[in-house]
N, C-alpha and C. Protein backbone atom coordinates (compact mmCIF):
# COMPACT_ATOMS: atom_id res chain seq x y z
N MET A 1 129.68 58.52 232.21
CA MET A 1 128.45 57.83 231.92
C MET A 1 127.13 58.96 231.48
N GLU A 2 127.27 60.19 232.14
CA GLU A 2 126.11 61.10 231.45
C GLU A 2 126.42 61.10 230.16
N LYS A 3 127.56 60.99 229.48
CA LYS A 3 127.79 61.42 228.08
C LYS A 3 127.16 60.33 227.54
N SER A 4 127.74 58.98 227.99
CA SER A 4 127.11 58.03 227.31
C SER A 4 125.55 57.46 227.22
N LEU A 5 125.23 58.18 228.11
CA LEU A 5 123.44 58.35 228.20
C LEU A 5 122.90 59.16 227.01
N ARG A 6 123.23 60.27 227.36
CA ARG A 6 123.22 61.24 226.29
C ARG A 6 123.47 60.57 224.95
N ILE A 7 124.14 60.34 224.50
CA ILE A 7 124.31 59.33 223.14
C ILE A 7 123.13 58.63 223.31
N LYS A 8 123.47 57.41 224.14
CA LYS A 8 122.27 56.69 223.80
C LYS A 8 120.53 57.34 223.85
N ARG A 9 120.30 58.29 223.95
CA ARG A 9 119.11 58.47 224.28
C ARG A 9 119.14 59.32 222.61
N ILE A 10 120.32 59.94 221.89
CA ILE A 10 120.59 60.52 220.56
C ILE A 10 120.02 58.91 219.81
N VAL A 11 120.97 58.30 219.68
CA VAL A 11 120.50 56.88 219.32
C VAL A 11 119.76 56.42 219.13
N LEU A 12 118.80 56.45 220.06
CA LEU A 12 117.15 55.98 220.41
C LEU A 12 116.33 56.83 219.76
N LEU A 13 116.51 58.46 219.96
CA LEU A 13 115.74 59.07 219.16
C LEU A 13 115.98 59.02 217.66
N GLY A 14 117.29 58.81 217.22
CA GLY A 14 116.70 58.93 215.91
C GLY A 14 116.22 57.82 215.11
N ALA A 15 116.74 56.17 215.60
CA ALA A 15 116.29 55.51 215.91
C ALA A 15 114.53 55.55 215.56
N ALA A 16 113.68 56.29 216.66
CA ALA A 16 112.10 56.12 216.60
C ALA A 16 112.04 57.10 215.54
N THR A 17 112.51 57.90 214.70
CA THR A 17 112.47 59.66 213.63
C THR A 17 112.27 58.24 212.31
N VAL A 18 112.94 57.47 212.32
CA VAL A 18 113.16 56.22 211.54
C VAL A 18 112.11 55.64 211.09
N VAL A 19 111.83 55.13 211.81
CA VAL A 19 110.46 53.99 212.27
C VAL A 19 109.12 54.84 212.08
N VAL A 20 109.67 56.00 212.94
CA VAL A 20 107.95 57.33 212.19
C VAL A 20 107.71 57.36 211.07
N ALA A 21 108.68 57.89 210.20
CA ALA A 21 109.08 58.18 208.92
C ALA A 21 108.69 57.09 207.78
N ALA A 22 109.18 56.27 207.88
CA ALA A 22 108.77 54.69 206.99
C ALA A 22 107.64 54.35 207.24
N VAL A 23 106.21 54.32 208.93
CA VAL A 23 105.66 54.01 209.16
C VAL A 23 104.66 55.25 208.05
N VAL A 24 104.97 56.42 208.28
CA VAL A 24 104.24 57.63 207.19
C VAL A 24 104.16 56.82 206.02
N ALA A 25 105.59 56.82 205.48
CA ALA A 25 105.25 56.50 204.44
C ALA A 25 104.92 55.40 203.60
N ARG A 26 105.34 54.45 204.69
CA ARG A 26 103.98 53.24 203.79
C ARG A 26 102.38 53.60 203.90
N LEU A 27 101.87 54.55 204.63
CA LEU A 27 100.68 54.48 204.95
C LEU A 27 100.49 55.16 203.54
N TRP A 28 101.55 56.30 202.67
CA TRP A 28 101.41 57.38 201.14
C TRP A 28 101.33 56.49 200.63
N ILE A 29 102.20 55.49 200.16
CA ILE A 29 102.33 54.99 199.50
C ILE A 29 100.91 53.93 199.04
N ALA A 30 100.73 53.28 200.42
CA ALA A 30 99.46 52.25 200.81
C ALA A 30 97.54 53.03 200.25
N ARG A 31 97.77 54.37 200.20
CA ARG A 31 96.82 55.37 200.19
C ARG A 31 96.85 55.36 197.92
N PHE A 32 98.11 55.70 197.75
CA PHE A 32 98.18 55.87 195.79
C PHE A 32 97.64 54.18 195.58
N GLU A 33 98.52 53.20 196.51
CA GLU A 33 98.07 51.71 195.13
C GLU A 33 96.76 51.99 195.71
N SER A 34 96.06 52.30 196.82
CA SER A 34 94.79 51.61 196.86
C SER A 34 93.74 52.93 196.02
N ASP A 35 94.24 53.78 195.15
CA ASP A 35 93.26 54.47 194.81
C ASP A 35 94.15 54.41 192.95
N GLY A 36 94.57 53.48 193.21
CA GLY A 36 95.38 53.21 191.74
C GLY A 36 94.53 51.88 190.75
N ALA A 37 94.35 50.57 191.83
CA ALA A 37 93.13 49.75 192.05
C ALA A 37 92.29 50.21 191.84
N SER A 38 91.59 51.06 192.22
CA SER A 38 90.01 51.70 191.98
C SER A 38 89.50 52.19 190.70
N LEU A 39 91.05 52.97 190.05
CA LEU A 39 90.53 53.65 189.19
C LEU A 39 90.19 52.22 187.75
N GLY A 40 89.08 52.82 187.40
CA GLY A 40 88.47 51.99 185.94
C GLY A 40 88.47 52.93 184.95
N GLY A 41 88.87 54.71 184.70
CA GLY A 41 89.22 54.83 183.40
C GLY A 41 88.39 55.84 183.16
N THR A 42 87.30 56.10 184.70
CA THR A 42 85.89 56.60 184.60
C THR A 42 85.96 58.17 185.42
N SER A 43 85.17 59.23 184.91
CA SER A 43 85.73 60.55 185.75
C SER A 43 85.21 60.73 187.35
N GLY A 44 84.70 59.37 188.02
CA GLY A 44 84.62 59.28 188.87
C GLY A 44 85.47 58.16 189.99
N ALA A 45 86.85 57.95 189.81
CA ALA A 45 87.19 57.04 189.90
C ALA A 45 87.89 57.62 191.14
N VAL A 46 86.92 56.50 192.10
CA VAL A 46 87.32 56.59 193.78
C VAL A 46 88.89 57.56 194.65
N GLY A 47 89.38 58.24 194.46
CA GLY A 47 90.51 59.35 195.06
C GLY A 47 91.38 59.76 194.21
N ILE A 48 91.09 60.57 193.16
CA ILE A 48 91.58 60.89 192.17
C ILE A 48 90.18 62.23 191.63
N GLU A 49 89.98 63.26 191.28
CA GLU A 49 89.40 64.04 191.28
C GLU A 49 89.95 65.15 190.46
N PHE A 50 89.58 65.49 189.50
CA PHE A 50 89.38 66.35 188.33
C PHE A 50 88.80 67.61 188.65
N LEU A 51 89.28 68.66 188.25
CA LEU A 51 88.06 69.97 188.20
C LEU A 51 86.89 69.79 187.18
N ASP A 52 85.59 69.62 187.09
CA ASP A 52 84.48 70.01 186.59
C ASP A 52 84.64 71.72 185.88
N ASN A 53 85.24 72.44 186.59
CA ASN A 53 84.71 73.83 186.80
C ASN A 53 85.62 74.54 185.87
N ALA A 54 86.91 74.12 185.46
CA ALA A 54 87.84 74.52 185.12
C ALA A 54 87.61 76.08 183.74
N GLN A 55 88.14 76.68 184.24
CA GLN A 55 88.27 77.79 183.69
C GLN A 55 89.59 78.28 183.08
N THR A 56 89.89 78.85 181.87
CA THR A 56 91.30 79.63 181.67
C THR A 56 91.90 80.12 182.18
N ASN A 57 93.16 80.04 182.42
CA ASN A 57 93.25 80.61 183.09
C ASN A 57 95.25 80.69 182.92
N THR A 58 95.09 81.17 181.22
CA THR A 58 96.54 81.23 180.65
C THR A 58 95.94 82.34 179.52
N ASN A 59 96.87 83.27 179.13
CA ASN A 59 96.76 83.01 177.65
C ASN A 59 97.78 82.58 176.63
N GLN A 60 98.67 82.88 177.05
CA GLN A 60 100.62 82.56 177.12
C GLN A 60 100.23 80.72 175.55
N VAL A 61 100.43 81.46 174.42
CA VAL A 61 100.38 80.75 173.67
C VAL A 61 100.78 80.69 173.05
N PRO A 62 102.19 79.92 171.91
CA PRO A 62 102.75 79.84 170.79
C PRO A 62 102.80 80.08 169.47
N ASP A 63 103.36 80.77 168.43
CA ASP A 63 103.22 80.76 166.81
C ASP A 63 102.49 79.10 166.88
N LEU A 64 101.73 78.50 166.60
CA LEU A 64 101.19 77.04 166.92
C LEU A 64 101.76 76.66 165.06
N SER A 65 102.32 77.40 164.37
CA SER A 65 102.58 76.56 163.03
C SER A 65 104.34 76.33 163.07
N GLY A 66 105.07 76.86 164.52
CA GLY A 66 106.47 75.83 164.58
C GLY A 66 106.47 75.02 165.36
N ILE A 67 104.94 74.63 166.12
CA ILE A 67 104.72 73.40 167.32
C ILE A 67 104.94 71.96 166.28
N THR A 68 105.80 71.21 166.86
CA THR A 68 105.74 70.29 166.19
C THR A 68 106.42 69.18 167.33
N PHE A 69 105.98 68.25 167.44
CA PHE A 69 106.10 66.87 168.14
C PHE A 69 106.46 65.77 167.08
N LEU A 70 107.14 64.80 167.74
CA LEU A 70 106.99 63.24 167.27
C LEU A 70 106.16 62.18 167.29
N ASP A 71 105.99 60.81 166.56
CA ASP A 71 105.14 60.64 167.30
C ASP A 71 105.87 58.88 167.60
N LEU A 72 105.28 57.65 167.91
CA LEU A 72 105.97 56.46 168.86
C LEU A 72 106.84 56.29 167.78
N ASP A 73 106.80 56.39 166.17
CA ASP A 73 107.71 55.64 164.91
C ASP A 73 108.68 57.15 164.74
N GLY A 74 108.99 57.82 165.39
CA GLY A 74 110.12 58.83 164.87
C GLY A 74 109.34 59.68 163.90
N ASN A 75 108.00 59.69 163.53
CA ASN A 75 107.54 60.80 162.76
C ASN A 75 107.19 62.18 163.17
N GLN A 76 107.15 63.14 162.41
CA GLN A 76 106.87 64.27 163.00
C GLN A 76 106.26 64.71 162.72
N VAL A 77 104.82 65.09 163.98
CA VAL A 77 103.26 65.53 164.05
C VAL A 77 103.34 66.98 163.92
N ALA A 78 102.52 67.76 163.03
CA ALA A 78 103.01 69.04 163.82
C ALA A 78 101.37 69.50 163.87
N LEU A 79 101.64 70.57 164.97
CA LEU A 79 99.87 71.04 165.02
C LEU A 79 99.08 71.45 163.83
N ALA A 80 99.56 72.38 163.21
CA ALA A 80 99.43 72.95 162.02
C ALA A 80 98.32 72.08 160.89
N ASP A 81 98.57 70.51 161.20
CA ASP A 81 98.18 69.80 160.41
C ASP A 81 96.68 69.65 160.90
N TYR A 82 96.32 69.77 162.01
CA TYR A 82 94.98 69.57 162.03
C TYR A 82 94.45 70.76 161.57
N ARG A 83 94.79 71.87 161.25
CA ARG A 83 94.23 73.13 161.40
C ARG A 83 92.95 73.47 159.93
N ASP A 84 91.55 73.78 160.16
CA ASP A 84 90.61 72.94 159.00
C ASP A 84 89.95 71.68 158.97
N LYS A 85 90.71 70.64 160.46
CA LYS A 85 90.28 69.53 159.80
C LYS A 85 89.89 69.07 161.15
N LYS A 86 90.31 69.68 161.87
CA LYS A 86 89.21 68.90 163.62
C LYS A 86 89.86 69.81 164.97
N ASN A 87 88.90 69.79 165.43
CA ASN A 87 89.20 70.68 166.96
C ASN A 87 90.13 69.89 167.56
N VAL A 88 90.61 70.04 168.45
CA VAL A 88 92.19 69.31 169.21
C VAL A 88 92.57 69.56 170.66
N VAL A 89 92.41 68.76 171.46
CA VAL A 89 92.41 68.65 172.84
C VAL A 89 93.80 68.30 173.18
N LEU A 90 94.81 69.28 173.22
CA LEU A 90 96.31 69.18 173.45
C LEU A 90 96.29 69.46 174.89
N VAL A 91 96.86 67.69 175.38
CA VAL A 91 97.32 67.80 176.76
C VAL A 91 98.80 67.32 176.94
N PHE A 92 99.12 68.24 177.94
CA PHE A 92 100.59 67.79 177.71
C PHE A 92 100.60 67.38 179.81
N THR A 93 101.25 66.22 179.20
CA THR A 93 101.60 64.76 181.05
C THR A 93 102.72 66.15 181.98
N ARG A 94 103.22 65.25 182.75
CA ARG A 94 104.56 65.47 183.35
C ARG A 94 105.65 65.93 182.55
N GLY A 95 105.93 64.33 181.97
CA GLY A 95 107.11 63.88 182.11
C GLY A 95 107.26 62.39 183.26
N TYR A 96 108.47 62.00 183.07
CA TYR A 96 108.56 60.62 183.33
C TYR A 96 110.06 60.87 184.82
N PRO A 97 108.91 61.66 185.84
CA PRO A 97 110.42 62.38 186.89
C PRO A 97 110.50 60.72 188.22
N GLY A 98 111.07 59.93 187.22
CA GLY A 98 111.55 58.54 187.87
C GLY A 98 110.83 57.50 188.07
N TYR A 99 109.24 57.62 187.69
CA TYR A 99 108.26 56.99 188.45
C TYR A 99 106.97 57.24 187.64
N LEU A 100 106.03 56.46 187.46
CA LEU A 100 105.17 56.97 187.41
C LEU A 100 103.61 58.00 187.64
N CYS A 101 103.55 58.93 187.01
CA CYS A 101 102.77 59.74 187.11
C CYS A 101 101.87 59.32 187.31
N LEU A 102 100.77 58.62 189.01
CA LEU A 102 99.34 58.16 189.51
C LEU A 102 98.76 59.36 188.30
N PHE A 103 98.38 60.78 188.55
CA PHE A 103 97.29 61.73 187.68
C PHE A 103 97.56 61.46 186.56
N CYS A 104 99.09 61.12 185.87
CA CYS A 104 98.72 61.16 184.08
C CYS A 104 97.80 60.24 184.15
N MET A 105 98.34 59.19 184.47
CA MET A 105 98.02 57.94 184.01
C MET A 105 96.50 57.92 183.86
N THR A 106 96.08 58.57 185.29
CA THR A 106 94.23 58.37 185.91
C THR A 106 93.49 59.65 184.08
N GLN A 107 94.80 60.46 184.31
CA GLN A 107 94.25 61.45 182.92
C GLN A 107 94.09 60.78 181.63
N THR A 108 95.27 60.39 181.16
CA THR A 108 94.87 59.34 180.20
C THR A 108 94.40 58.32 180.29
N SER A 109 94.32 57.53 181.24
CA SER A 109 92.65 56.75 181.62
C SER A 109 91.60 57.52 181.02
N ARG A 110 91.14 58.04 181.20
CA ARG A 110 90.09 59.10 181.14
C ARG A 110 89.54 58.99 179.75
N LEU A 111 90.97 59.88 179.17
CA LEU A 111 91.04 60.32 178.01
C LEU A 111 90.14 58.97 177.25
N ILE A 112 90.77 57.84 177.23
CA ILE A 112 90.73 56.58 176.02
C ILE A 112 89.30 56.15 176.40
N THR A 113 88.80 56.34 177.85
CA THR A 113 87.44 55.63 177.76
C THR A 113 86.29 56.35 177.31
N ASN A 114 86.66 58.47 177.66
CA ASN A 114 85.60 58.48 177.14
C ASN A 114 86.19 59.58 175.24
N TYR A 115 86.89 58.94 174.64
CA TYR A 115 86.78 59.48 173.27
C TYR A 115 86.07 59.09 172.44
N ASP A 116 85.17 58.54 172.65
CA ASP A 116 84.35 58.34 171.60
C ASP A 116 83.50 59.51 171.79
N GLN A 117 82.98 60.69 172.81
CA GLN A 117 82.69 61.45 172.92
C GLN A 117 83.38 62.53 172.59
N PHE A 118 84.36 62.96 172.61
CA PHE A 118 85.51 63.79 171.79
C PHE A 118 85.66 63.54 170.45
N LYS A 119 85.15 62.36 169.84
CA LYS A 119 84.92 62.74 168.47
C LYS A 119 83.90 63.24 168.02
N ASP A 120 82.53 61.99 168.31
CA ASP A 120 81.47 62.86 168.29
C ASP A 120 81.04 64.81 167.98
N LEU A 121 82.12 65.14 169.05
CA LEU A 121 82.54 66.42 168.83
C LEU A 121 83.13 67.17 167.86
N ASP A 122 83.54 66.74 166.90
CA ASP A 122 85.12 66.64 165.82
C ASP A 122 86.24 67.38 166.50
N ALA A 123 86.46 66.04 167.32
CA ALA A 123 87.90 67.14 167.83
C ALA A 123 88.15 65.72 167.92
N GLU A 124 89.76 66.15 168.04
CA GLU A 124 91.22 64.91 167.97
C GLU A 124 91.70 65.23 169.46
N VAL A 125 92.16 64.27 169.94
CA VAL A 125 92.93 64.21 171.22
C VAL A 125 93.95 64.30 171.32
N LEU A 126 95.19 65.22 171.82
CA LEU A 126 96.51 65.09 171.65
C LEU A 126 97.27 64.57 172.69
N VAL A 127 98.19 63.55 173.37
CA VAL A 127 98.56 63.59 174.21
C VAL A 127 99.87 64.02 174.51
N VAL A 128 100.54 65.07 175.17
CA VAL A 128 102.35 64.71 174.82
C VAL A 128 102.39 64.02 176.17
N PHE A 129 103.52 63.53 175.67
CA PHE A 129 104.86 62.93 177.26
C PHE A 129 106.10 63.59 176.76
N PRO A 130 106.13 64.83 178.01
CA PRO A 130 107.56 65.44 177.74
C PRO A 130 108.87 64.38 178.21
N GLY A 131 109.68 63.34 176.83
CA GLY A 131 110.59 62.38 177.63
C GLY A 131 110.60 61.39 176.35
N ASN A 132 111.55 60.09 176.26
CA ASN A 132 111.06 59.63 175.55
C ASN A 132 110.91 58.45 175.11
N ARG A 133 111.22 57.66 174.22
CA ARG A 133 110.35 56.53 174.53
C ARG A 133 110.10 55.27 174.81
N GLN A 134 111.05 54.85 175.16
CA GLN A 134 111.36 53.93 176.56
C GLN A 134 110.19 54.49 177.94
N ASP A 135 110.09 55.58 178.31
CA ASP A 135 109.92 56.13 179.36
C ASP A 135 108.45 55.52 179.25
N VAL A 136 107.54 56.93 178.26
CA VAL A 136 106.08 56.43 177.51
C VAL A 136 106.08 55.85 177.44
N GLN A 137 106.33 54.80 176.45
CA GLN A 137 105.91 53.38 176.80
C GLN A 137 104.90 52.44 178.06
N LYS A 138 105.69 52.91 179.32
CA LYS A 138 105.20 52.63 180.54
C LYS A 138 104.15 53.46 180.70
N LEU A 139 103.86 54.81 180.24
CA LEU A 139 102.63 55.20 180.41
C LEU A 139 101.85 55.09 179.38
N ILE A 140 102.09 54.65 178.72
CA ILE A 140 100.68 54.00 177.71
C ILE A 140 99.88 52.60 178.38
N ARG A 141 101.19 51.45 178.79
CA ARG A 141 100.67 50.58 178.81
C ARG A 141 99.73 50.76 180.13
N GLU A 142 100.15 51.38 181.09
CA GLU A 142 99.51 51.33 182.28
C GLU A 142 98.17 52.21 182.07
N SER A 143 98.33 52.79 180.88
CA SER A 143 96.94 54.38 181.07
C SER A 143 96.11 52.60 180.59
N LYS A 144 96.56 51.91 179.39
CA LYS A 144 95.38 51.25 178.46
C LYS A 144 94.95 50.26 179.96
N SER A 145 95.96 49.42 180.62
CA SER A 145 95.14 48.66 181.36
C SER A 145 93.83 49.44 182.21
N LYS A 146 93.99 50.96 182.90
CA LYS A 146 93.52 51.25 183.97
C LYS A 146 92.03 51.52 183.31
N ALA A 147 91.71 51.60 182.09
CA ALA A 147 90.86 52.46 181.10
C ALA A 147 90.58 50.74 180.32
N HIS A 148 90.89 49.57 180.94
CA HIS A 148 90.26 48.13 180.37
C HIS A 148 90.62 48.07 178.83
N SER A 149 91.38 48.80 177.52
CA SER A 149 91.57 48.82 176.67
C SER A 149 92.34 48.11 176.05
N GLU A 150 92.23 47.67 175.28
CA GLU A 150 93.54 47.07 174.66
C GLU A 150 94.82 48.34 173.45
N GLN A 151 93.81 49.39 172.92
CA GLN A 151 94.74 50.56 172.37
C GLN A 151 94.56 51.66 172.54
N VAL A 152 95.24 53.00 172.65
CA VAL A 152 95.02 54.08 172.69
C VAL A 152 94.49 55.13 171.65
N PRO A 153 93.57 55.60 171.53
CA PRO A 153 92.82 56.00 170.05
C PRO A 153 93.20 57.44 169.74
N PHE A 154 94.35 57.56 170.35
CA PHE A 154 94.79 59.01 170.22
C PHE A 154 95.69 58.90 169.69
N PRO A 155 96.67 60.21 169.20
CA PRO A 155 98.04 60.03 169.65
C PRO A 155 98.94 59.80 170.74
N ILE A 156 99.78 59.74 171.09
CA ILE A 156 100.65 59.57 172.05
C ILE A 156 101.94 60.55 171.62
N LEU A 157 101.88 61.97 171.60
CA LEU A 157 103.27 62.09 170.84
C LEU A 157 104.41 62.94 171.99
N LEU A 158 105.24 62.71 171.77
CA LEU A 158 106.95 63.37 172.17
C LEU A 158 107.50 64.79 172.05
N ASP A 159 107.70 65.46 173.57
CA ASP A 159 108.70 66.33 173.24
C ASP A 159 109.79 65.80 173.85
N GLU A 160 110.96 65.63 173.05
CA GLU A 160 111.48 64.88 173.82
C GLU A 160 113.00 66.07 174.90
N GLU A 161 113.00 67.20 173.43
CA GLU A 161 113.60 68.04 174.01
C GLU A 161 112.67 69.63 175.23
N PHE A 162 111.94 68.80 175.34
CA PHE A 162 111.23 69.91 175.62
C PHE A 162 110.67 71.04 174.89
N ARG A 163 110.92 71.12 173.49
CA ARG A 163 111.08 72.06 173.11
C ARG A 163 109.21 73.14 172.56
N ALA A 164 108.45 72.06 173.17
CA ALA A 164 106.94 72.57 172.99
C ALA A 164 106.63 73.17 174.65
N VAL A 165 106.89 72.12 175.57
CA VAL A 165 106.86 72.72 176.42
C VAL A 165 106.95 74.10 176.87
N ASP A 166 108.69 74.38 176.92
CA ASP A 166 109.25 75.91 176.62
C ASP A 166 108.46 76.44 175.91
N ALA A 167 107.60 76.65 174.72
CA ALA A 167 107.53 77.32 173.99
C ALA A 167 105.96 77.90 174.67
N PHE A 168 105.40 76.73 175.54
CA PHE A 168 103.84 77.37 175.72
C PHE A 168 104.28 77.67 177.31
N GLY A 169 105.61 77.33 178.13
CA GLY A 169 105.69 78.46 179.40
C GLY A 169 105.22 77.73 180.17
N ILE A 170 105.43 76.57 179.82
CA ILE A 170 104.79 75.55 181.19
C ILE A 170 105.59 73.85 182.09
N ARG A 171 107.30 74.82 181.74
CA ARG A 171 107.86 73.92 181.94
C ARG A 171 107.70 74.31 184.38
N GLY A 172 108.17 73.12 184.30
CA GLY A 172 108.09 73.13 185.92
C GLY A 172 109.44 72.11 186.60
N ASN A 173 108.78 71.40 187.41
CA ASN A 173 109.70 70.19 187.64
C ASN A 173 109.40 68.98 186.58
N LEU A 174 109.63 69.13 185.33
CA LEU A 174 109.53 68.71 183.96
C LEU A 174 108.76 69.63 183.63
N ALA A 175 107.50 69.01 183.40
CA ALA A 175 106.34 69.43 183.02
C ALA A 175 105.55 70.18 183.79
N LYS A 176 104.84 71.11 183.88
CA LYS A 176 103.33 71.31 184.55
C LYS A 176 102.37 70.75 183.58
N PRO A 177 101.55 70.00 184.38
CA PRO A 177 100.07 69.34 183.52
C PRO A 177 98.88 70.33 182.87
N ALA A 178 98.97 70.40 181.78
CA ALA A 178 98.22 71.48 180.99
C ALA A 178 97.57 71.30 179.65
N THR A 179 96.27 71.30 179.74
CA THR A 179 95.37 71.56 178.45
C THR A 179 94.93 72.63 177.23
N TYR A 180 94.39 72.68 177.02
CA TYR A 180 94.29 73.35 175.88
C TYR A 180 93.09 72.96 174.66
N ILE A 181 92.57 73.73 173.85
CA ILE A 181 91.74 73.41 173.03
C ILE A 181 91.53 74.37 171.84
N PHE A 182 91.92 73.69 170.37
CA PHE A 182 91.95 74.54 169.70
C PHE A 182 91.05 74.35 168.70
N ASP A 183 90.70 75.24 168.36
CA ASP A 183 89.49 75.12 167.19
C ASP A 183 89.93 75.00 166.02
N LYS A 184 88.97 74.53 164.86
CA LYS A 184 89.54 74.03 163.74
C LYS A 184 90.43 75.12 162.71
N GLN A 185 90.35 76.20 163.34
CA GLN A 185 90.28 77.44 162.66
C GLN A 185 91.79 77.89 163.76
N GLY A 186 91.74 77.32 164.44
CA GLY A 186 93.33 76.97 165.15
C GLY A 186 93.52 78.37 166.56
N GLY A 187 92.67 78.67 166.39
CA GLY A 187 91.88 79.68 167.96
C GLY A 187 91.32 79.42 168.94
N LEU A 188 92.82 79.25 170.01
CA LEU A 188 92.13 79.00 171.37
C LEU A 188 91.30 79.17 171.72
N ARG A 189 90.56 77.97 172.42
CA ARG A 189 89.54 78.36 172.81
C ARG A 189 89.18 77.60 174.78
N PHE A 190 90.66 77.64 175.06
CA PHE A 190 90.59 76.80 176.60
C PHE A 190 92.02 76.35 176.67
N ALA A 191 92.42 77.06 177.99
CA ALA A 191 93.59 76.82 178.45
C ALA A 191 93.98 76.78 179.99
N TYR A 192 94.09 75.57 180.37
CA TYR A 192 94.47 75.62 182.03
C TYR A 192 95.64 75.27 181.96
N VAL A 193 96.14 76.16 183.09
CA VAL A 193 98.43 74.93 183.36
C VAL A 193 97.28 74.78 184.93
N GLY A 194 98.17 73.66 184.98
CA GLY A 194 97.49 73.06 186.68
C GLY A 194 99.07 73.63 187.51
N GLU A 195 98.46 74.32 188.63
CA GLU A 195 98.80 74.77 189.95
C GLU A 195 100.31 73.34 190.56
N THR A 196 99.43 72.45 191.04
CA THR A 196 99.98 70.97 191.25
C THR A 196 99.56 70.10 190.48
N ILE A 197 100.57 68.93 190.90
CA ILE A 197 100.51 67.48 189.71
C ILE A 197 98.75 66.85 189.46
N SER A 198 97.62 67.42 190.21
CA SER A 198 96.68 66.96 190.13
C SER A 198 95.73 67.88 189.83
N ASP A 199 95.85 69.35 189.45
CA ASP A 199 95.12 70.17 189.23
C ASP A 199 95.01 69.84 187.38
N ARG A 200 93.85 70.03 187.51
CA ARG A 200 93.37 69.18 185.73
C ARG A 200 92.20 69.43 185.74
N PRO A 201 91.91 69.74 184.20
CA PRO A 201 90.55 70.04 184.05
C PRO A 201 89.72 68.97 184.44
N SER A 202 88.21 68.24 183.92
CA SER A 202 87.74 66.72 183.92
C SER A 202 87.63 66.90 182.43
N ILE A 203 87.49 65.28 182.25
CA ILE A 203 86.51 65.01 181.36
C ILE A 203 84.80 65.73 180.49
N LYS A 204 84.41 66.28 181.21
CA LYS A 204 82.77 66.58 182.17
C LYS A 204 83.54 67.87 181.11
N ALA A 205 84.48 69.05 181.88
CA ALA A 205 85.05 70.24 181.43
C ALA A 205 85.71 70.60 180.54
N LEU A 206 86.11 69.13 179.65
CA LEU A 206 86.24 69.15 178.49
C LEU A 206 85.42 69.63 177.32
N LEU A 207 84.37 68.51 177.85
CA LEU A 207 83.65 67.77 176.56
C LEU A 207 82.56 69.88 176.66
N LYS A 208 82.23 70.24 178.07
CA LYS A 208 81.98 71.64 177.91
C LYS A 208 82.40 72.65 176.88
N GLN A 209 83.67 72.47 176.84
CA GLN A 209 84.28 73.39 176.33
C GLN A 209 83.91 72.98 175.04
N LEU A 210 83.89 71.87 173.84
CA LEU A 210 83.78 71.80 172.86
C LEU A 210 82.57 72.28 172.40
N GLU A 211 81.46 71.94 173.12
CA GLU A 211 80.50 71.65 173.18
C GLU A 211 80.10 73.54 172.43
N PHE A 212 80.55 74.15 173.94
CA PHE A 212 80.87 75.68 173.11
C PHE A 212 80.94 75.76 172.29
N ILE A 213 81.91 75.54 170.96
CA ILE A 213 82.38 75.54 169.87
C ILE A 213 81.61 74.94 168.93
N ALA A 214 81.38 73.76 169.49
CA ALA A 214 79.81 73.29 168.69
C ALA A 214 78.79 74.06 168.02
N GLN A 215 78.23 75.28 169.03
CA GLN A 215 76.90 75.76 168.95
C GLN A 215 76.95 76.82 167.75
């Protein structure tokens, strides 16, 4: 009898734990659904804020002459192609961990929305997706939707084998979110590697760095 009661208590406790876990998970998902619904591609989107005061936190940069990516048509794109032509804002997203990263979508949508400001400062934005073509299309589709835009005005590039990720030393669970700014001579002017998936510089922070270059 006593053994039977103990078993019942264990079963009830296990069931209660499952219920609590389900409720917590649902609340967590609802929070992100709410945040995602509120995003319009602007830097003040409710629920997600990036760093206005982000400062360079790494100087680990490889020889840029050897850094290449693939565009969505399979053509090779070399970072060195932009030398003497444009300042470059190089943004690494995390990749595809089995779901669309809300922070990657938000960051990309804000870059889309504010692209004209980057153009005015003679800069090209390059967003790098570590992964394959099939998964990157999901990021593009959702980012355009959140930015209320029919197209992405800058290149989305693939790093299929994580070669560039490894060259920059930003491998984590897939890739760490990282942003670099290079001037027209290829000089590093800003580098920020996030410690968490939400740790990223804001549009304001990036434009401020480009304004310094333009002075």
